């Protein structure tokens, strides 16, 4: 199985979200050409990039969701899984190790989502 995750690095490096989505689309297409099962993961909340990065992440995640529907591949909702309902656009403090990446508890939560969707 090929798992393709939209990355905050494209946003952090100032790349247009459309270009990032195009690159993800190419990866999904290539995986399918190779006969692999493919799944997509959306971009996580980015505490260290908030608030500037949040609208870009939401825009890219909408494009990723559209790509998943168009290509009929599962989408793992990692953004919503780790987003703090009290602080939209950011992970809960205990779910991030450094404001960029999930903590051990955050990864555990993501693993639960992936296992549930894998059946």
Protein backbone atom coordinates (compact mmCIF):
# COMPACT_ATOMS: atom_id res chain seq x y z
CA UNK A 1 0.00 0.00 0.00
CA UNK A 2 1.15 3.53 -0.78
CA UNK A 3 0.20 6.18 1.76
CA UNK A 4 0.60 9.74 0.50
CA UNK A 5 0.48 12.56 3.02
CA UNK A 6 0.11 16.20 2.19
CA UNK A 7 2.96 17.98 3.87
CA UNK A 8 3.21 21.23 5.68
CA UNK A 9 6.72 21.62 4.22
CA UNK A 10 5.25 22.81 0.93
CA UNK A 11 3.39 25.52 2.81
CA UNK A 12 6.37 26.35 5.03
CA UNK A 13 8.54 26.75 1.92
CA UNK A 14 6.03 29.11 0.32
CA UNK A 15 4.98 26.81 -2.50
CA UNK A 16 1.51 27.38 -3.95
CA UNK A 17 -1.04 24.92 -2.59
CA UNK A 18 -2.14 24.13 -6.13
CA UNK A 19 1.40 22.95 -6.94
CA UNK A 20 1.45 20.80 -3.79
CA UNK A 21 -1.91 19.27 -4.75
CA UNK A 22 -0.66 18.65 -8.29
CA UNK A 23 2.39 16.81 -6.91
CA UNK A 24 0.18 14.70 -4.62
CA UNK A 25 -2.09 13.89 -7.58
CA UNK A 26 0.97 12.68 -9.53
CA UNK A 27 2.05 10.44 -6.63
CA UNK A 28 -1.42 8.93 -6.33
CA UNK A 29 -1.56 8.36 -10.09
CA UNK A 30 1.84 6.71 -10.14
CA UNK A 31 0.91 4.44 -7.25
CA UNK A 32 -2.25 3.36 -9.04
CA UNK A 33 -0.28 2.77 -12.27
CA UNK A 34 1.94 0.41 -10.30
CA UNK A 35 -1.12 -1.47 -9.07
CA UNK A 36 -0.75 -0.33 -5.47
CA UNK A 37 -3.60 0.40 -3.12
CA UNK A 38 -3.33 4.11 -2.32
CA UNK A 39 -4.55 6.18 0.61
CA UNK A 40 -4.24 9.92 1.21
CA UNK A 41 -3.59 11.75 4.47
CA UNK A 42 -4.36 15.42 4.87
CA UNK A 43 -2.05 18.07 6.33
CA UNK A 44 -1.82 18.23 10.11
CA UNK A 45 -2.46 21.40 12.08
CA UNK A 46 0.74 23.43 12.36
CA UNK A 47 1.10 25.17 15.70
CA UNK A 48 4.34 26.93 14.79
CA UNK A 49 2.84 28.24 11.54
CA UNK A 50 -0.40 29.46 13.07
CA UNK A 51 -2.16 31.73 12.19
CA UNK A 52 -0.52 32.46 8.82
CA UNK A 53 -0.38 28.84 7.65
CA UNK A 54 -3.88 27.85 8.73
CA UNK A 55 -5.86 29.11 5.70
CA UNK A 56 -3.29 27.55 3.36
CA UNK A 57 -3.52 24.22 5.19
CA UNK A 58 -7.31 24.32 4.97
CA UNK A 59 -7.12 25.14 1.26
CA UNK A 60 -4.67 22.29 0.60
CA UNK A 61 -6.74 19.89 2.68
CA UNK A 62 -9.83 20.76 0.60
CA UNK A 63 -7.82 19.96 -2.55
CA UNK A 64 -6.62 16.70 -0.98
CA UNK A 65 -10.20 15.72 -0.11
CA UNK A 66 -11.26 16.50 -3.69
CA UNK A 67 -8.37 14.38 -4.99
CA UNK A 68 -9.37 11.47 -2.74
CA UNK A 69 -12.96 11.62 -4.04
CA UNK A 70 -11.87 11.94 -7.67
CA UNK A 71 -9.38 9.07 -7.45
CA UNK A 72 -11.67 6.96 -5.22
CA UNK A 73 -8.98 6.46 -2.58
CA UNK A 74 -9.47 6.60 1.19
CA UNK A 75 -8.64 9.82 3.02
CA UNK A 76 -7.31 9.59 6.55
CA UNK A 77 -8.47 12.71 8.42
CA UNK A 78 -5.34 13.34 10.45
CA UNK A 79 -5.91 17.12 10.59
CA UNK A 80 -9.28 16.84 12.28
CA UNK A 81 -8.01 14.05 14.51
CA UNK A 82 -5.31 16.22 16.09
CA UNK A 83 -6.95 19.65 15.84
CA UNK A 84 -7.69 21.20 19.22
CA UNK A 85 -11.38 22.15 19.27
CA UNK A 86 -10.55 24.95 21.71
CA UNK A 87 -7.81 26.31 19.40
CA UNK A 88 -8.78 25.69 15.77
CA UNK A 89 -5.86 25.29 13.42
CA UNK A 90 -3.55 23.96 16.12
CA UNK A 91 -2.83 20.63 17.74
CA UNK A 92 -3.46 20.12 21.40
CA UNK A 93 -0.26 20.69 23.34
CA UNK A 94 -0.11 17.08 24.49
CA UNK A 95 -0.49 15.84 20.90
CA UNK A 96 2.57 17.68 19.56
CA UNK A 97 6.19 17.34 20.57
CA UNK A 98 7.46 20.59 19.08
CA UNK A 99 4.60 22.46 17.42
CA UNK A 100 5.45 20.87 14.07
CA UNK A 101 5.19 17.11 14.63
CA UNK A 102 2.92 14.87 16.67
CA UNK A 103 4.06 13.62 20.06
CA UNK A 104 4.04 9.93 20.96
CA UNK A 105 0.43 10.38 22.14
CA UNK A 106 -0.41 12.21 18.92
CA UNK A 107 1.04 9.44 16.77
CA UNK A 108 -0.85 6.90 18.86
CA UNK A 109 -4.10 8.75 18.14
CA UNK A 110 -3.29 8.85 14.41
CA UNK A 111 -2.53 5.12 14.49
CA UNK A 112 -5.95 4.46 16.00
CA UNK A 113 -7.59 6.34 13.12
CA UNK A 114 -5.53 4.48 10.53
CA UNK A 115 -6.32 1.10 12.10
CA UNK A 116 -10.03 1.90 12.24
CA UNK A 117 -10.10 2.89 8.56
CA UNK A 118 -8.03 -0.15 7.55
CA UNK A 119 -10.68 -2.37 9.08
